Protein backbone atom coordinates (compact mmCIF):
# COMPACT_ATOMS: atom_id res chain seq x y z
CA UNK A 1 -28.91 31.07 39.59
CA UNK A 2 -28.73 30.06 35.94
CA UNK A 3 -25.48 28.70 34.55
CA UNK A 4 -23.92 30.53 31.62
CA UNK A 5 -23.88 28.08 28.71
CA UNK A 6 -21.68 30.05 26.34
CA UNK A 7 -20.06 33.37 25.67
CA UNK A 8 -22.08 35.08 22.90
CA UNK A 9 -19.05 37.12 21.83
CA UNK A 10 -17.50 33.89 20.49
CA UNK A 11 -20.28 33.17 17.96
CA UNK A 12 -18.59 34.94 15.03
CA UNK A 13 -15.31 33.14 15.71
CA UNK A 14 -17.03 29.75 16.02
CA UNK A 15 -18.76 30.27 12.66
CA UNK A 16 -15.44 31.16 11.03
CA UNK A 17 -13.80 28.07 12.51
CA UNK A 18 -16.60 25.90 11.08
CA UNK A 19 -16.09 27.50 7.67
CA UNK A 20 -12.30 27.15 7.71
CA UNK A 21 -11.81 23.74 9.30
CA UNK A 22 -8.38 22.15 9.22
CA UNK A 23 -7.91 19.21 6.86
CA UNK A 24 -7.91 16.86 9.85
CA UNK A 25 -11.13 18.33 11.27
CA UNK A 26 -12.81 18.11 7.88
CA UNK A 27 -11.67 14.48 7.45
CA UNK A 28 -12.91 13.40 10.89
CA UNK A 29 -16.22 15.26 10.45
CA UNK A 30 -17.17 14.12 6.96
CA UNK A 31 -15.76 10.61 7.09
CA UNK A 32 -16.89 9.67 10.59
CA UNK A 33 -18.60 12.01 13.06
CA UNK A 34 -21.44 13.30 10.87
CA UNK A 35 -22.33 9.71 9.97
CA UNK A 36 -22.79 8.50 13.55
CA UNK A 37 -26.26 7.72 14.91
CA UNK A 38 -25.86 10.45 17.54
CA UNK A 39 -25.48 14.18 17.01
CA UNK A 40 -22.19 16.02 17.14
CA UNK A 41 -21.72 19.75 16.73
CA UNK A 42 -18.64 21.39 15.23
CA UNK A 43 -16.92 24.32 16.89
CA UNK A 44 -19.36 24.42 19.80
CA UNK A 45 -19.11 27.18 22.37
CA UNK A 46 -18.98 25.93 25.96
CA UNK A 47 -18.45 28.74 28.45
CA UNK A 48 -15.54 30.83 27.19
CA UNK A 49 -14.18 28.07 24.96
CA UNK A 50 -14.82 26.82 21.45
CA UNK A 51 -14.35 23.05 21.22
CA UNK A 52 -13.67 21.26 17.95
CA UNK A 53 -16.46 18.67 18.28
CA UNK A 54 -19.07 18.07 20.96
CA UNK A 55 -21.66 15.39 21.57
CA UNK A 56 -23.86 16.94 24.28
CA UNK A 57 -25.95 13.81 24.83
CA UNK A 58 -22.82 11.82 25.75
CA UNK A 59 -21.00 14.79 27.34
CA UNK A 60 -18.03 14.14 25.06
CA UNK A 61 -15.66 16.71 23.57
CA UNK A 62 -13.13 15.84 20.86
CA UNK A 63 -10.14 18.10 20.29
CA UNK A 64 -7.70 17.79 17.41
CA UNK A 65 -4.33 19.24 18.29
CA UNK A 66 -1.96 20.87 15.82
CA UNK A 67 1.63 21.80 16.62
CA UNK A 68 0.70 24.92 18.63
CA UNK A 69 -0.82 22.69 21.31
CA UNK A 70 2.60 21.23 22.11
CA UNK A 71 4.24 24.56 22.89
CA UNK A 72 4.12 25.53 26.58
CA UNK A 73 1.56 28.31 26.15
CA UNK A 74 -0.75 26.08 24.12
CA UNK A 75 -0.36 23.16 26.52
CA UNK A 76 -1.15 25.41 29.51
CA UNK A 77 -4.27 26.72 27.75
CA UNK A 78 -5.35 23.15 26.98
CA UNK A 79 -4.94 22.11 30.64
CA UNK A 80 -7.08 25.08 31.73
CA UNK A 81 -9.72 24.29 29.10
CA UNK A 82 -9.77 20.57 29.94
CA UNK A 83 -10.13 21.36 33.64
CA UNK A 84 -13.10 23.64 32.94
CA UNK A 85 -14.78 21.13 30.60
CA UNK A 86 -14.25 18.28 33.07
CA UNK A 87 -15.82 20.39 35.82
CA UNK A 88 -18.79 20.89 33.48
CA UNK A 89 -19.14 17.09 33.24
CA UNK A 90 -17.50 16.56 29.84
CA UNK A 91 -15.03 13.84 28.94
CA UNK A 92 -12.34 15.34 26.69
CA UNK A 93 -10.60 13.23 24.05
CA UNK A 94 -7.50 14.69 22.39
CA UNK A 95 -5.86 13.47 19.22
CA UNK A 96 -2.95 15.01 17.39
CA UNK A 97 -3.36 15.98 13.75
CA UNK A 98 -0.54 13.53 13.03
CA UNK A 99 -2.51 10.73 14.72
CA UNK A 100 -5.61 11.52 12.65
CA UNK A 101 -3.53 11.38 9.46
CA UNK A 102 -1.49 8.28 10.33
CA UNK A 103 -4.09 6.21 12.19
CA UNK A 104 -7.54 7.47 11.20
CA UNK A 105 -9.19 4.09 11.76
CA UNK A 106 -7.69 3.83 15.25
CA UNK A 107 -8.89 7.32 16.18
CA UNK A 108 -12.41 6.49 14.97
CA UNK A 109 -12.43 3.20 16.89
CA UNK A 110 -11.32 4.98 20.07
CA UNK A 111 -14.08 7.57 19.70
CA UNK A 112 -16.63 4.81 19.01
CA UNK A 113 -15.52 2.93 22.11
CA UNK A 114 -15.91 6.04 24.28
CA UNK A 115 -19.37 6.66 22.86
CA UNK A 116 -20.84 3.17 22.85
CA UNK A 117 -18.73 0.82 24.98
CA UNK A 118 -19.25 2.78 28.18
CA UNK A 119 -23.03 2.64 28.17
CA UNK A 120 -24.45 4.49 31.15
């Protein structure tokens, strides 16, 4: 039985999210992730979810959380999503938009450490 990689009905939404990135997503992408020696994809569809950033070769997902993620409904959705992604073998890193703005260097160092300090 083949495993469903992504929900094709989410393609239009994923494209729109790539076009209309948040300021924090744009900053992390252009100032760090797209410059790394490994490939990341923006707004990647995994199953029924669209993740902010994904490095398939390292099975790493990066999510940037705005205020809606701290309301109960958003937090419950995030727990469900993280559980699914973990079951698929992904490690999920979450950073708040505030953290990206206030401590960009620290966020980048943490991502770097997860990518390259835990060599398999």
